[in-house]
Amino acid sequence: MHSYDVRVWNIRRRASKSAPFQLRWTVGGKVHQAPFLTKTLADARRAQLVTAARSGEAFDTETGLPVSELRQLNRTSWYAHARDHAAMKWPTAAAKHRASIAESLTIATMALCPDGKGRPDGELLRRALYQWAFNAGRHKEDPPDAEAQALAWAEKHAPAVVDLDSAKKMRTVLDELARKKDGKAAAPNTIRRRRAVLSNCLRLAVEKELLPSNPLSRVHWEIPKAVEELDERSVATPAQASALLKAVRGQGRRGAHLSAFFGCMYYAAMRPEEVSVLSVEQCTLPETGWGRVDLSGARPQVGSGWTDDGKPYEERGLKHRARRTVRRVPIPPALVLLLREHIEQFGTGDDGRLFRAVRGGPVRSQEYGAVWKEARRTALTPAQVASPLAFIPYDLRHACVSFWLRSGVSLAETARRAGQSIAVLQRYYAKVLDGEEDRMNDLIDKGFADQEDDPQTP
């Protein structure tokens, strides 16, 4: 407990040969004292306490010490604090976020530990920190001998948290967070994510009174701006998308199985992790006309070391939505037909899911990524293959949203169907919306003309 109610008394002499001078002071009404051999030493200590009190510093009622002194006495290491931070975040963090925390803390720890003789090999140290120190799911397991030795070195040589109250040290860490393993600049969103993890860890240190404030706030370090607009070169036209889906179907049984997978992304703007978890119960597929899919979850791919059940994927709710939220998306007859044909030809898994890997389980990105790569080579010209056009499967979702907007679907309805906010939609698809300006102006002109031609108009 802290208090600003501090009173420091004058030095008094005692009948003691070993420490004849005594300094007494009270913190929140509680008396503290310290013996000294000489009056000079006692006066010096009294001056320190008086200076701290007059500067408005809080004192600890238990020890009687100024908080700044108490903090210096607490030599909790960065390694121990970062490990505890990862463990605290683990229970409520999504699997991908757990891995992100571990990655960021690994880079920060390697930047803070000294170089020189005795430092473990870089790859070994990185692996030990990432897979063992900051993976709370493994904290009860014993790491291999090599990793254990690397962690022992890090624990011994990592600086105390209190010593991180330095803008210079923070800049060094931030510079490392901004780079990839090969030394090249990381993507802006990656840098932003890593910095956020570091900041949260330092804020916890402030909460635990290991630091007076977050030292990142004193570093003039600008995060590179992320590209928040869609690259229109990546957007496939309806004819190109149709050719790509046809090229997918032409790749034997595996391609035929995945054609509807990609169709869900193009015709319904579904994310891959949403398609992966799609079940027959979520689909309304009439014989003619439009159908509907009721999306209620996602199954993002992630390393098995970061999930609670050891599976290489995690079942969760829709992105940026409450756990039980359902997103109803109308689907055109083309997708209805694709899904009906898929169910007729391949059936469903034991869990009712429509899509599954060759050896069972969810379709992994490596699998559908390879099929997509071959489809691009088949359906596109060499120049288009070398371009950003439909470079990754996710670009099918962008093509779908762009097509909706250009077809006149409102922002609100497009955002609802795609599972995005209107603000994100406006920002990311700004160029698509800009391209509609002339058409919108023509509609307004037509409205004015119709009004002038109407004799009943006042």
Protein backbone atom coordinates (compact mmCIF):
# COMPACT_ATOMS: atom_id res chain seq x y z
CA MET A 1 0.00 0.00 0.00
CA HIS A 2 1.23 3.49 -0.82
CA SER A 3 0.82 6.78 1.00
CA TYR A 4 1.78 10.40 0.53
CA ASP A 5 1.40 11.09 4.27
CA VAL A 6 5.12 11.14 5.12
CA ARG A 7 6.77 12.83 8.10
CA VAL A 8 10.52 12.70 8.69
CA TRP A 9 11.80 13.45 12.20
CA ASN A 10 15.12 14.92 13.24
CA ILE A 11 18.07 12.65 13.98
CA ARG A 12 18.31 11.50 17.56
CA ARG A 13 21.20 10.02 19.50
CA ARG A 14 20.94 6.68 21.27
CA ALA A 15 23.02 4.91 23.88
CA SER A 16 24.49 2.49 21.38
CA LYS A 17 28.14 2.13 20.38
CA SER A 18 27.46 0.24 17.14
CA ALA A 19 24.78 2.63 15.78
CA PRO A 20 24.37 5.66 18.02
CA PHE A 21 22.30 7.75 15.56
CA GLN A 22 18.73 6.93 14.68
CA LEU A 23 16.51 8.24 11.87
CA ARG A 24 12.75 7.91 12.29
CA TRP A 25 9.90 8.70 9.90
CA THR A 26 6.25 7.79 9.47
CA VAL A 27 4.38 6.66 6.35
CA GLY A 28 0.60 6.72 6.64
CA GLY A 29 0.97 6.85 10.43
CA LYS A 30 3.24 3.82 10.60
CA VAL A 31 6.66 4.43 12.21
CA HIS A 32 9.88 3.35 10.50
CA GLN A 33 13.43 3.73 11.69
CA ALA A 34 17.03 3.16 10.60
CA PRO A 35 20.25 3.18 12.73
CA PHE A 36 23.52 4.80 11.55
CA LEU A 37 27.09 4.82 12.74
CA THR A 38 27.61 8.55 12.13
CA LYS A 39 25.39 11.60 12.12
CA THR A 40 26.62 12.47 8.63
CA LEU A 41 25.24 9.22 7.24
CA ALA A 42 21.96 9.71 9.09
CA ASP A 43 21.61 13.29 7.80
CA ALA A 44 22.30 12.16 4.25
CA ARG A 45 19.61 9.51 4.43
CA ARG A 46 17.18 11.97 6.01
CA ALA A 47 17.81 14.39 3.14
CA GLN A 48 16.97 11.68 0.59
CA LEU A 49 13.64 10.90 2.27
CA VAL A 50 12.73 14.57 2.63
CA THR A 51 13.56 15.22 -1.04
CA ALA A 52 11.41 12.28 -2.16
CA ALA A 53 8.49 13.43 0.00
CA ARG A 54 8.70 17.05 -1.16
CA SER A 55 8.78 15.97 -4.81
CA GLY A 56 5.41 14.28 -4.33
CA GLU A 57 6.65 10.70 -4.51
CA ALA A 58 4.57 7.97 -2.91
CA PHE A 59 6.05 5.84 -0.12
CA ASP A 60 5.40 2.18 0.60
CA THR A 61 3.68 1.82 3.99
CA GLU A 62 5.12 -1.65 4.60
CA THR A 63 8.82 -0.87 4.07
CA GLY A 64 8.69 2.89 4.49
CA LEU A 65 10.71 3.35 1.30
CA PRO A 66 10.00 5.71 -1.60
CA VAL A 67 8.46 3.79 -4.49
CA SER A 68 11.44 4.58 -6.74
CA GLU A 69 13.83 2.95 -4.26
CA LEU A 70 11.57 -0.04 -3.80
CA ARG A 71 11.47 -0.47 -7.56
CA GLN A 72 15.26 -0.51 -7.77
CA LEU A 73 15.39 -3.22 -5.13
CA ASN A 74 13.04 -5.38 -7.17
CA ARG A 75 15.34 -6.99 -9.74
CA THR A 76 12.73 -9.09 -11.50
CA SER A 77 14.27 -10.05 -14.82
CA TRP A 78 12.71 -9.24 -18.18
CA TYR A 79 12.80 -12.95 -19.02
CA ALA A 80 10.73 -13.91 -15.97
CA HIS A 81 8.31 -11.03 -16.47
CA ALA A 82 7.80 -11.76 -20.19
CA ARG A 83 7.26 -15.45 -19.45
CA ASP A 84 4.64 -14.56 -16.81
CA HIS A 85 2.98 -12.16 -19.26
CA ALA A 86 2.64 -14.91 -21.89
CA ALA A 87 1.16 -17.24 -19.26
CA MET A 88 -1.33 -14.59 -18.12
CA LYS A 89 -2.55 -13.98 -21.69
CA TRP A 90 -2.75 -17.66 -22.65
CA PRO A 91 -6.17 -18.70 -21.25
CA THR A 92 -8.19 -16.04 -23.08
CA ALA A 93 -6.09 -15.49 -26.21
CA ALA A 94 -6.90 -17.09 -29.55
CA ALA A 95 -4.34 -19.60 -30.79
CA LYS A 96 -2.98 -17.23 -33.46
CA HIS A 97 -2.65 -14.44 -30.92
CA ARG A 98 -0.77 -16.78 -28.56
CA ALA A 99 1.75 -17.45 -31.33
CA SER A 100 1.95 -13.72 -32.06
CA ILE A 101 2.70 -12.93 -28.41
CA ALA A 102 5.44 -15.56 -28.33
CA GLU A 103 6.99 -14.28 -31.57
CA SER A 104 7.06 -10.67 -30.37
CA LEU A 105 8.47 -11.48 -26.93
CA THR A 106 11.10 -13.71 -28.52
CA ILE A 107 12.36 -10.91 -30.74
CA ALA A 108 12.35 -8.44 -27.85
CA THR A 109 14.21 -10.82 -25.53
CA MET A 110 16.89 -11.58 -28.11
CA ALA A 111 17.36 -7.83 -28.63
CA LEU A 112 17.73 -7.20 -24.89
CA CYS A 113 20.13 -10.05 -24.13
CA PRO A 114 23.82 -9.16 -24.61
CA ASP A 115 25.88 -10.36 -27.54
CA GLY A 116 29.27 -11.89 -27.02
CA LYS A 117 30.95 -15.03 -25.80
CA GLY A 118 28.66 -17.68 -24.41
CA ARG A 119 25.52 -16.52 -26.19
CA PRO A 120 23.71 -19.52 -27.72
CA ASP A 121 23.36 -19.89 -31.48
CA GLY A 122 20.71 -17.50 -32.78
CA GLU A 123 18.38 -20.14 -34.21
CA LEU A 124 18.64 -22.27 -31.06
CA LEU A 125 17.89 -19.31 -28.80
CA ARG A 126 14.99 -18.20 -30.99
CA ARG A 127 13.52 -21.70 -31.03
CA ALA A 128 13.90 -22.14 -27.28
CA LEU A 129 12.22 -18.82 -26.47
CA TYR A 130 9.42 -19.16 -29.02
CA GLN A 131 8.54 -22.81 -28.49
CA TRP A 132 9.24 -23.14 -24.76
CA ALA A 133 9.69 -19.92 -22.77
CA PHE A 134 6.69 -18.07 -24.22
CA ASN A 135 4.47 -21.05 -25.04
CA ALA A 136 2.52 -21.30 -21.78
CA GLY A 137 1.00 -24.59 -22.91
CA ARG A 138 4.45 -26.16 -22.49
CA HIS A 139 5.48 -24.57 -19.21
CA LYS A 140 4.94 -27.84 -17.34
CA GLU A 141 7.06 -29.81 -19.81
CA ASP A 142 10.85 -30.18 -19.80
CA PRO A 143 12.50 -28.81 -22.96
CA PRO A 144 15.28 -30.75 -24.73
CA ASP A 145 18.77 -30.30 -23.24
CA ALA A 146 19.98 -27.82 -25.87
CA GLU A 147 16.89 -25.63 -25.49
CA ALA A 148 17.07 -25.89 -21.69
CA GLN A 149 20.66 -24.61 -21.71
CA ALA A 150 19.69 -21.73 -24.01
CA LEU A 151 16.83 -20.76 -21.71
CA ALA A 152 19.10 -20.92 -18.66
CA TRP A 153 21.47 -18.50 -20.41
CA ALA A 154 18.61 -16.13 -21.28
CA GLU A 155 17.29 -16.20 -17.73
CA LYS A 156 20.74 -15.37 -16.38
CA HIS A 157 21.65 -12.62 -18.86
CA ALA A 158 18.31 -10.88 -19.49
CA PRO A 159 18.27 -7.41 -17.88
CA ALA A 160 16.09 -6.53 -14.92
CA VAL A 161 12.79 -4.92 -15.88
CA VAL A 162 13.68 -1.79 -13.92
CA ASP A 163 16.71 -1.30 -16.18
CA LEU A 164 14.46 -1.04 -19.23
CA ASP A 165 13.36 2.45 -18.26
CA SER A 166 15.45 3.76 -21.13
CA ALA A 167 14.34 5.26 -24.44
CA LYS A 168 17.61 4.11 -26.03
CA LYS A 169 17.01 0.47 -25.12
CA MET A 170 13.42 0.65 -26.31
CA ARG A 171 14.49 2.04 -29.67
CA THR A 172 16.85 -0.91 -30.09
CA VAL A 173 14.02 -3.34 -29.39
CA LEU A 174 11.62 -1.53 -31.72
CA ASP A 175 14.16 -1.61 -34.54
CA GLU A 176 14.40 -5.38 -34.16
CA LEU A 177 10.63 -5.78 -34.10
CA ALA A 178 10.49 -3.92 -37.41
CA ARG A 179 12.68 -6.47 -39.18
CA LYS A 180 12.19 -9.97 -40.50
CA LYS A 181 14.66 -12.77 -39.82
CA ASP A 182 16.51 -11.97 -43.05
CA GLY A 183 16.97 -8.35 -42.00
CA LYS A 184 14.44 -6.92 -44.44
CA ALA A 185 11.64 -4.64 -43.28
CA ALA A 186 8.59 -6.41 -41.89
CA ALA A 187 5.10 -5.56 -43.09
CA PRO A 188 3.54 -2.51 -41.37
CA ASN A 189 0.73 -4.58 -39.86
CA THR A 190 3.28 -7.03 -38.46
CA ILE A 191 5.27 -4.19 -36.89
CA ARG A 192 2.11 -2.71 -35.41
CA ARG A 193 1.11 -6.07 -33.93
CA ARG A 194 4.54 -6.74 -32.45
CA ARG A 195 4.77 -3.28 -30.91
CA ALA A 196 1.35 -3.73 -29.32
CA VAL A 197 2.51 -6.96 -27.65
CA LEU A 198 5.64 -5.25 -26.29
CA SER A 199 3.62 -2.29 -25.05
CA ASN A 200 1.14 -4.54 -23.26
CA CYS A 201 3.96 -6.41 -21.57
CA LEU A 202 5.55 -3.15 -20.39
CA ARG A 203 2.20 -1.85 -19.19
CA LEU A 204 1.89 -4.94 -17.01
CA ALA A 205 5.32 -4.12 -15.60
CA VAL A 206 3.99 -0.67 -14.68
CA GLU A 207 0.97 -2.29 -13.05
CA LYS A 208 3.28 -4.52 -11.02
CA GLU A 209 5.30 -1.42 -10.09
CA LEU A 210 8.42 -2.75 -11.76
CA LEU A 211 8.55 0.40 -13.94
CA PRO A 212 7.43 3.98 -13.22
CA SER A 213 5.85 4.34 -16.67
CA ASN A 214 5.85 2.74 -20.10
CA PRO A 215 9.21 3.73 -21.64
CA LEU A 216 7.82 3.30 -25.17
CA SER A 217 5.96 6.58 -24.72
CA ARG A 218 9.29 8.43 -24.69
CA VAL A 219 10.51 7.01 -27.99
CA HIS A 220 9.78 9.06 -31.10
CA TRP A 221 9.40 6.05 -33.36
CA GLU A 222 6.77 6.09 -36.08
CA ILE A 223 5.11 2.88 -37.18
CA PRO A 224 5.16 2.57 -40.99
CA LYS A 225 1.72 3.14 -42.43
CA ALA A 226 -0.01 0.04 -43.68
CA VAL A 227 -1.47 -0.12 -47.16
CA GLU A 228 -5.17 0.03 -46.39
CA GLU A 229 -6.52 0.17 -49.92
CA LEU A 230 -7.25 -2.73 -52.20
CA ASP A 231 -4.80 -3.22 -55.04
CA GLU A 232 -7.20 -3.19 -58.00
CA ARG A 233 -4.68 -5.19 -60.04
CA SER A 234 -5.47 -8.20 -57.85
CA VAL A 235 -9.22 -8.13 -58.56
CA ALA A 236 -10.39 -10.70 -61.10
CA THR A 237 -13.24 -9.92 -63.48
CA PRO A 238 -16.24 -12.29 -63.51
CA ALA A 239 -14.89 -13.90 -66.70
CA GLN A 240 -11.43 -14.39 -65.16
CA ALA A 241 -12.90 -15.78 -61.94
CA SER A 242 -15.03 -18.21 -63.96
CA ALA A 243 -11.95 -19.36 -65.90
CA LEU A 244 -10.02 -19.86 -62.67
CA LEU A 245 -12.78 -21.94 -61.09
CA LYS A 246 -12.95 -24.03 -64.26
CA ALA A 247 -9.16 -24.56 -64.07
CA VAL A 248 -9.57 -25.72 -60.48
CA ARG A 249 -12.19 -28.30 -61.50
CA GLY A 250 -9.86 -29.57 -64.21
CA GLN A 251 -7.27 -30.79 -61.68
CA GLY A 252 -8.72 -34.23 -61.12
CA ARG A 253 -10.71 -35.32 -58.09
CA ARG A 254 -8.89 -32.98 -55.69
CA GLY A 255 -9.61 -30.00 -57.92
CA ALA A 256 -13.24 -31.00 -58.34
CA HIS A 257 -13.57 -31.22 -54.56
CA LEU A 258 -12.15 -27.72 -54.09
CA SER A 259 -14.05 -25.94 -56.86
CA ALA A 260 -16.98 -25.25 -54.53
CA PHE A 261 -14.50 -24.25 -51.80
CA PHE A 262 -13.19 -21.44 -54.01
CA GLY A 263 -16.73 -20.77 -55.24
CA CYS A 264 -17.80 -19.89 -51.70
CA MET A 265 -15.06 -17.29 -51.57
CA TYR A 266 -15.96 -15.74 -54.92
CA TYR A 267 -19.76 -15.85 -54.83
CA ALA A 268 -20.32 -15.29 -51.07
CA ALA A 269 -17.17 -13.36 -50.00
CA MET A 270 -16.39 -16.04 -47.41
CA ARG A 271 -13.02 -16.19 -45.72
CA PRO A 272 -11.08 -19.49 -46.10
CA GLU A 273 -11.48 -20.27 -42.39
CA GLU A 274 -15.26 -19.78 -42.76
CA VAL A 275 -15.46 -22.07 -45.79
CA SER A 276 -13.42 -24.68 -43.93
CA VAL A 277 -16.06 -25.01 -41.22
CA LEU A 278 -19.13 -24.83 -43.52
CA SER A 279 -21.58 -27.68 -42.92
CA VAL A 280 -24.56 -28.93 -44.87
CA GLU A 281 -26.89 -27.77 -42.05
CA GLN A 282 -25.77 -24.18 -42.67
CA CYS A 283 -26.79 -24.27 -46.33
CA THR A 284 -30.18 -23.58 -47.87
CA LEU A 285 -29.93 -24.87 -51.44
CA PRO A 286 -33.18 -24.73 -53.41
CA GLU A 287 -33.45 -26.41 -56.80
CA THR A 288 -33.84 -23.02 -58.50
CA GLY A 289 -33.07 -19.43 -57.59
CA TRP A 290 -31.05 -17.96 -54.79
CA GLY A 291 -30.02 -19.87 -51.68
CA ARG A 292 -28.42 -18.91 -48.39
CA VAL A 293 -25.59 -19.85 -46.04
CA ASP A 294 -25.83 -19.18 -42.31
CA LEU A 295 -22.27 -18.63 -41.11
CA SER A 296 -21.66 -19.05 -37.40
CA GLY A 297 -18.01 -19.89 -36.99
CA ALA A 298 -14.54 -20.20 -38.43
CA ARG A 299 -11.67 -22.67 -38.27
CA PRO A 300 -8.39 -20.79 -38.80
CA GLN A 301 -5.26 -22.84 -39.33
CA VAL A 302 -2.60 -22.53 -36.66
CA GLY A 303 0.23 -24.64 -35.25
CA SER A 304 -0.84 -27.46 -32.94
CA GLY A 305 1.48 -26.12 -30.23
CA TRP A 306 -0.78 -23.10 -29.70
CA THR A 307 -4.19 -24.75 -29.29
CA ASP A 308 -5.62 -26.21 -26.10
CA ASP A 309 -6.44 -29.56 -27.70
CA GLY A 310 -3.28 -29.96 -29.79
CA LYS A 311 -5.11 -29.74 -33.12
CA PRO A 312 -3.57 -27.71 -35.97
CA TYR A 313 -6.66 -25.49 -36.13
CA GLU A 314 -8.98 -23.70 -33.75
CA GLU A 315 -12.76 -23.59 -33.73
CA ARG A 316 -13.99 -20.07 -32.99
CA GLY A 317 -16.72 -17.56 -33.74
CA LEU A 318 -16.90 -15.25 -36.72
CA LYS A 319 -14.10 -12.73 -37.04
CA HIS A 320 -14.67 -9.54 -35.02
CA ARG A 321 -18.09 -10.84 -33.92
CA ALA A 322 -19.56 -12.26 -30.71
CA ARG A 323 -19.16 -16.00 -30.32
CA ARG A 324 -22.74 -16.96 -31.23
CA THR A 325 -23.31 -14.41 -33.97
CA VAL A 326 -24.79 -15.80 -37.21
CA ARG A 327 -24.13 -14.06 -40.54
CA ARG A 328 -26.74 -14.88 -43.16
CA VAL A 329 -25.41 -14.48 -46.70
CA PRO A 330 -27.65 -14.89 -49.76
CA ILE A 331 -25.89 -16.93 -52.44
CA PRO A 332 -26.56 -16.75 -56.18
CA PRO A 333 -27.81 -19.72 -58.24
CA ALA A 334 -24.28 -20.36 -59.54
CA LEU A 335 -23.01 -21.13 -56.04
CA VAL A 336 -26.18 -23.04 -55.14
CA LEU A 337 -25.51 -25.31 -58.11
CA LEU A 338 -21.84 -25.72 -57.18
CA LEU A 339 -22.70 -26.74 -53.62
CA ARG A 340 -25.48 -29.11 -54.67
CA GLU A 341 -23.13 -30.83 -57.14
CA HIS A 342 -20.40 -30.98 -54.50
CA ILE A 343 -22.68 -32.65 -51.94
CA GLU A 344 -23.97 -35.11 -54.54
CA GLN A 345 -20.46 -36.07 -55.66
CA PHE A 346 -18.50 -35.99 -52.40
CA GLY A 347 -21.06 -36.09 -49.63
CA THR A 348 -20.03 -34.71 -46.26
CA GLY A 349 -17.68 -35.65 -43.47
CA ASP A 350 -18.82 -37.41 -40.31
CA ASP A 351 -19.29 -33.98 -38.74
CA GLY A 352 -21.40 -32.72 -41.63
CA ARG A 353 -18.66 -30.46 -42.99
CA LEU A 354 -18.57 -30.05 -46.77
CA PHE A 355 -14.81 -29.79 -47.27
CA ARG A 356 -12.06 -31.99 -45.91
CA ALA A 357 -8.42 -32.75 -46.61
CA VAL A 358 -7.28 -35.81 -48.55
CA ARG A 359 -6.40 -37.58 -45.28
CA GLY A 360 -9.37 -36.20 -43.36
CA GLY A 361 -9.68 -33.13 -41.19
CA PRO A 362 -9.92 -29.56 -42.44
CA VAL A 363 -8.48 -28.48 -45.78
CA ARG A 364 -5.14 -26.81 -45.07
CA SER A 365 -3.83 -23.70 -46.79
CA GLN A 366 -0.91 -25.62 -48.28
CA GLU A 367 -3.35 -27.95 -50.01
CA TYR A 368 -5.75 -25.44 -51.53
CA GLY A 369 -2.86 -23.02 -52.16
CA ALA A 370 -1.13 -25.55 -54.42
CA VAL A 371 -4.35 -26.14 -56.37
CA TRP A 372 -4.86 -22.40 -56.78
CA LYS A 373 -1.30 -21.90 -58.00
CA GLU A 374 -1.81 -24.49 -60.72
CA ALA A 375 -5.18 -22.96 -61.69
CA ARG A 376 -3.55 -19.57 -62.25
CA ARG A 377 -0.93 -21.14 -64.52
CA THR A 378 -3.70 -22.83 -66.53
CA ALA A 379 -6.29 -20.06 -66.77
CA LEU A 380 -4.16 -16.92 -67.02
CA THR A 381 -1.67 -15.61 -69.56
CA PRO A 382 2.04 -15.60 -68.61
CA ALA A 383 1.84 -11.83 -68.06
CA GLN A 384 -1.18 -12.25 -65.79
CA VAL A 385 0.51 -15.07 -63.86
CA ALA A 386 3.43 -12.72 -63.14
CA SER A 387 1.02 -9.98 -62.02
CA PRO A 388 -0.90 -9.59 -58.72
CA LEU A 389 -4.11 -10.74 -60.44
CA ALA A 390 -5.89 -13.23 -58.13
CA PHE A 391 -2.47 -13.98 -56.68
CA ILE A 392 -3.82 -15.75 -53.61
CA PRO A 393 -7.19 -17.43 -53.03
CA TYR A 394 -8.22 -14.63 -50.65
CA ASP A 395 -8.31 -12.31 -53.66
CA LEU A 396 -11.52 -14.08 -54.68
CA ARG A 397 -13.20 -12.53 -51.64
CA HIS A 398 -11.93 -9.10 -52.70
CA ALA A 399 -13.27 -9.71 -56.21
CA CYS A 400 -16.68 -10.62 -54.79
CA VAL A 401 -16.95 -7.53 -52.57
CA SER A 402 -15.75 -5.30 -55.43
CA PHE A 403 -18.36 -6.82 -57.76
CA TRP A 404 -21.13 -6.23 -55.21
CA LEU A 405 -20.17 -2.58 -54.80
CA ARG A 406 -19.91 -1.98 -58.54
CA SER A 407 -23.29 -3.65 -59.03
CA GLY A 408 -24.89 -1.06 -56.77
CA VAL A 409 -25.27 -3.07 -53.55
CA SER A 410 -25.34 -0.58 -50.66
CA LEU A 411 -22.38 -0.16 -48.32
CA ALA A 412 -24.42 -1.36 -45.36
CA GLU A 413 -25.61 -4.54 -47.09
CA THR A 414 -22.18 -5.28 -48.55
CA ALA A 415 -20.61 -4.86 -45.13
CA ARG A 416 -23.21 -7.14 -43.55
CA ARG A 417 -22.75 -9.90 -46.12
CA ALA A 418 -18.95 -9.72 -46.02
CA GLY A 419 -18.76 -9.53 -42.22
CA GLN A 420 -16.95 -6.20 -42.15
CA SER A 421 -17.63 -2.78 -40.72
CA ILE A 422 -18.73 0.00 -43.06
CA ALA A 423 -15.69 2.04 -42.02
CA VAL A 424 -13.26 -0.73 -43.05
CA LEU A 425 -15.20 -1.27 -46.26
CA GLN A 426 -14.99 2.42 -47.19
CA ARG A 427 -11.30 2.58 -46.40
CA TYR A 428 -10.16 -0.63 -48.04
CA TYR A 429 -12.35 -0.44 -51.15
CA ALA A 430 -11.98 3.33 -51.60
CA LYS A 431 -10.79 3.05 -55.20
CA VAL A 432 -13.69 0.80 -56.10
CA LEU A 433 -16.10 3.32 -54.60
CA ASP A 434 -14.34 6.22 -56.32
CA GLY A 435 -14.90 4.51 -59.65
CA GLU A 436 -18.64 4.68 -59.06
CA GLU A 437 -18.72 8.46 -58.66
CA ASP A 438 -19.65 9.23 -62.29
CA ARG A 439 -22.43 6.63 -62.26
CA MET A 440 -23.84 8.03 -59.04
CA ASN A 441 -23.69 11.56 -60.47
CA ASP A 442 -25.65 10.38 -63.52
CA LEU A 443 -28.33 8.92 -61.26
CA ILE A 444 -28.63 12.23 -59.41
CA ASP A 445 -28.83 14.16 -62.69
CA LYS A 446 -31.58 11.78 -63.83
CA GLY A 447 -33.45 12.41 -60.59
CA PHE A 448 -33.32 16.16 -61.10
CA ALA A 449 -34.46 15.78 -64.72
CA ASP A 450 -37.39 13.58 -63.75
CA GLN A 451 -38.44 16.11 -61.15
CA GLU A 452 -38.35 19.00 -63.65
CA ASP A 453 -40.39 17.01 -66.19
CA ASP A 454 -43.09 16.22 -63.65
CA PRO A 455 -45.82 18.92 -63.97
CA GLN A 456 -47.11 18.08 -60.49
CA THR A 457 -43.80 19.05 -58.93
CA PRO A 458 -44.18 22.37 -57.06
